[in-house]
N, C-alpha and C. Protein backbone atom coordinates (compact mmCIF):
# COMPACT_ATOMS: atom_id res chain seq x y z
N MET A 1 104.09 153.65 148.62
CA MET A 1 103.02 154.29 148.36
C MET A 1 101.69 153.44 148.23
N THR A 2 100.69 153.82 149.03
CA THR A 2 99.44 152.75 148.88
C THR A 2 98.55 153.47 147.85
N ALA A 3 97.41 152.70 147.56
CA ALA A 3 96.47 153.30 146.51
C ALA A 3 95.60 154.32 147.23
N LYS A 4 95.40 154.38 148.41
CA LYS A 4 94.79 155.60 149.09
C LYS A 4 95.59 156.76 149.10
N ASP A 5 97.01 156.56 149.10
CA ASP A 5 97.93 157.75 149.21
C ASP A 5 97.83 158.13 147.74
N LEU A 6 97.98 157.23 146.50
CA LEU A 6 97.89 157.79 145.12
C LEU A 6 96.57 158.54 145.08
N ILE A 7 95.45 158.00 145.41
CA ILE A 7 94.29 158.73 145.15
C ILE A 7 94.10 159.92 145.65
N LYS A 8 94.48 160.08 146.98
CA LYS A 8 94.56 161.55 147.54
C LYS A 8 95.56 162.51 146.96
N ILE A 9 96.79 162.07 146.47
CA ILE A 9 97.60 162.73 145.72
C ILE A 9 96.99 163.47 144.34
N GLY A 10 96.58 162.22 143.84
CA GLY A 10 95.84 162.57 142.27
C GLY A 10 94.84 163.43 142.54
N GLN A 11 94.10 163.21 143.52
CA GLN A 11 92.62 164.33 143.41
C GLN A 11 93.09 165.60 143.94
N GLU A 12 94.17 165.73 144.98
CA GLU A 12 94.68 166.99 145.25
C GLU A 12 95.42 167.72 144.26
N LEU A 13 96.17 167.09 143.53
CA LEU A 13 96.88 167.69 142.27
C LEU A 13 96.06 167.99 141.22
N TYR A 14 95.06 167.35 140.58
CA TYR A 14 94.35 167.20 139.38
C TYR A 14 92.78 167.05 139.61
N GLY A 15 92.26 167.23 140.92
CA GLY A 15 90.80 167.45 140.82
C GLY A 15 90.00 166.16 141.04
N GLN A 16 88.92 165.89 141.36
CA GLN A 16 88.22 164.81 141.61
C GLN A 16 87.75 164.12 140.37
N ARG A 17 87.72 164.66 139.37
CA ARG A 17 87.26 164.21 137.95
C ARG A 17 88.42 164.32 137.11
N GLY A 18 88.81 163.19 136.51
CA GLY A 18 89.77 162.98 135.58
C GLY A 18 91.11 163.03 136.03
N TRP A 19 91.29 162.87 137.37
CA TRP A 19 92.88 162.76 137.88
C TRP A 19 93.55 161.84 137.49
N GLN A 20 92.96 160.52 137.08
CA GLN A 20 93.98 159.34 136.58
C GLN A 20 94.39 159.74 135.19
N THR A 21 93.73 160.34 134.34
CA THR A 21 94.25 160.73 133.21
C THR A 21 95.31 161.65 133.08
N LYS A 22 94.98 162.99 133.99
CA LYS A 22 95.84 163.90 134.08
C LYS A 22 97.46 163.45 134.61
N MET A 23 97.22 162.56 135.66
CA MET A 23 98.44 162.03 136.39
C MET A 23 99.12 161.16 135.39
N ALA A 24 98.31 160.21 134.57
CA ALA A 24 99.07 159.61 133.44
C ALA A 24 100.00 160.51 132.54
N ALA A 25 99.43 161.42 132.35
CA ALA A 25 100.07 162.36 131.38
C ALA A 25 101.19 163.08 131.96
N ALA A 26 101.20 163.28 133.11
CA ALA A 26 102.25 164.01 134.01
C ALA A 26 103.26 163.17 134.06
N LEU A 27 103.11 161.71 134.52
CA LEU A 27 103.90 160.70 134.61
C LEU A 27 104.61 159.83 133.26
N GLU A 28 103.96 160.42 132.17
CA GLU A 28 104.10 159.86 130.88
C GLU A 28 103.95 158.27 131.01
N VAL A 29 102.66 157.88 131.42
CA VAL A 29 102.37 156.46 131.55
C VAL A 29 101.08 156.27 130.85
N ASP A 30 100.53 155.14 130.43
CA ASP A 30 99.17 155.06 130.28
C ASP A 30 98.20 154.94 131.25
N THR A 31 97.08 155.40 131.20
CA THR A 31 95.94 155.70 132.16
C THR A 31 95.80 154.17 132.68
N SER A 32 95.61 153.16 132.00
CA SER A 32 95.57 151.92 132.61
C SER A 32 96.81 151.39 133.68
N THR A 33 97.78 152.14 133.51
CA THR A 33 98.97 151.74 134.65
C THR A 33 98.44 152.64 135.80
N ILE A 34 97.81 153.65 135.85
CA ILE A 34 97.25 154.42 137.00
C ILE A 34 96.54 153.30 137.72
N ARG A 35 95.33 152.91 137.00
CA ARG A 35 94.15 152.03 137.48
C ARG A 35 95.13 150.92 137.83
N ARG A 36 95.94 150.21 137.24
CA ARG A 36 96.86 148.96 137.84
C ARG A 36 97.45 149.28 139.01
N TRP A 37 97.92 150.34 139.21
CA TRP A 37 98.63 150.52 140.70
C TRP A 37 97.67 150.80 141.75
N VAL A 38 96.46 151.42 141.55
CA VAL A 38 95.26 151.56 142.48
C VAL A 38 94.59 150.20 142.66
N TYR A 39 94.47 149.51 141.89
CA TYR A 39 94.16 147.93 142.00
C TYR A 39 95.04 147.07 142.71
N ALA A 40 96.24 147.25 142.45
CA ALA A 40 97.25 146.58 143.21
C ALA A 40 97.64 147.27 144.48
N ASP A 41 97.28 148.19 144.67
CA ASP A 41 97.29 149.02 146.14
C ASP A 41 99.04 149.07 146.21
N SER A 42 99.80 149.31 145.06
CA SER A 42 101.32 149.24 145.07
C SER A 42 101.58 150.42 144.00
N VAL A 43 102.59 151.50 144.32
CA VAL A 43 103.22 152.33 143.32
C VAL A 43 104.53 152.14 143.10
N PRO A 44 105.04 151.87 142.00
CA PRO A 44 106.76 151.83 141.77
C PRO A 44 107.13 153.12 142.49
N GLY A 45 108.37 152.72 143.29
CA GLY A 45 109.11 153.85 143.70
C GLY A 45 109.68 154.91 143.07
N PRO A 46 109.95 155.03 141.58
CA PRO A 46 110.30 156.03 140.74
C PRO A 46 109.02 156.85 140.82
N ALA A 47 107.75 156.49 140.53
CA ALA A 47 106.64 157.14 140.22
C ALA A 47 106.08 157.77 141.63
N ALA A 48 106.23 157.08 142.78
CA ALA A 48 105.88 157.58 143.83
C ALA A 48 106.70 158.83 144.26
N ALA A 49 108.05 158.76 144.00
CA ALA A 49 109.06 159.88 144.28
C ALA A 49 108.62 161.00 143.53
N ALA A 50 108.22 160.71 142.14
CA ALA A 50 107.75 162.07 141.22
C ALA A 50 106.73 162.52 142.00
N LEU A 51 105.71 161.67 142.11
CA LEU A 51 104.28 162.20 142.73
C LEU A 51 104.70 163.27 144.11
N ARG A 52 105.58 162.61 144.84
CA ARG A 52 105.88 163.35 146.14
C ARG A 52 106.34 164.81 145.64
N CYS A 53 107.32 164.69 144.65
CA CYS A 53 108.01 166.08 144.14
C CYS A 53 106.53 166.88 143.46
N PHE A 54 105.82 166.36 142.78
CA PHE A 54 104.77 167.15 142.34
C PHE A 54 104.13 168.04 143.49
N MET A 55 103.82 167.32 144.46
CA MET A 55 102.93 167.68 145.83
C MET A 55 103.99 168.60 146.44
N ARG A 56 105.09 168.51 146.57
CA ARG A 56 105.92 169.81 147.02
C ARG A 56 105.97 170.85 146.12
N GLU A 57 106.00 170.79 144.86
CA GLU A 57 106.16 171.81 144.12
C GLU A 57 104.66 172.52 144.16
N ALA A 58 103.66 171.77 143.88
CA ALA A 58 102.42 172.37 144.23
C ALA A 58 102.16 173.18 145.53
N LYS A 59 102.50 172.76 146.54
CA LYS A 59 102.38 173.18 147.95
C LYS A 59 103.58 174.61 148.03
N SER A 60 104.51 174.47 147.31
CA SER A 60 105.41 175.56 147.34
C SER A 60 104.76 176.78 146.53
N ARG A 61 104.25 176.49 145.35
CA ARG A 61 103.58 177.51 144.70
C ARG A 61 102.49 178.32 145.25
N ALA A 62 101.70 177.16 146.05
CA ALA A 62 100.44 177.86 146.72
C ALA A 62 100.73 178.62 147.66
N HIS A 63 102.14 178.38 148.41
CA HIS A 63 102.40 179.33 149.62
C HIS A 63 103.31 180.45 149.04
N SER A 64 103.86 180.56 147.70
CA SER A 64 104.74 181.74 147.43
C SER A 64 104.16 183.01 147.23
N PRO A 65 104.45 184.01 147.41
CA PRO A 65 103.84 185.09 147.27
C PRO A 65 103.56 185.52 145.57
N LYS A 66 102.49 186.29 145.45
CA LYS A 66 102.13 186.53 144.08
C LYS A 66 102.84 188.11 143.68
């Protein structure tokens, strides 16, 4: 997962403002870790897998009948 992917997912899940803080809380890492992944343009495999699951879950909730 690239930094561009990370930013897109973060903003889709958590909004334009504060997404790094909210993502860090969801992944149980420090906010500086999220910033480091963006800067390095690389997200570790387990974190990328978790974020993909978060996205699938969010999309599933959005499409489920209420």
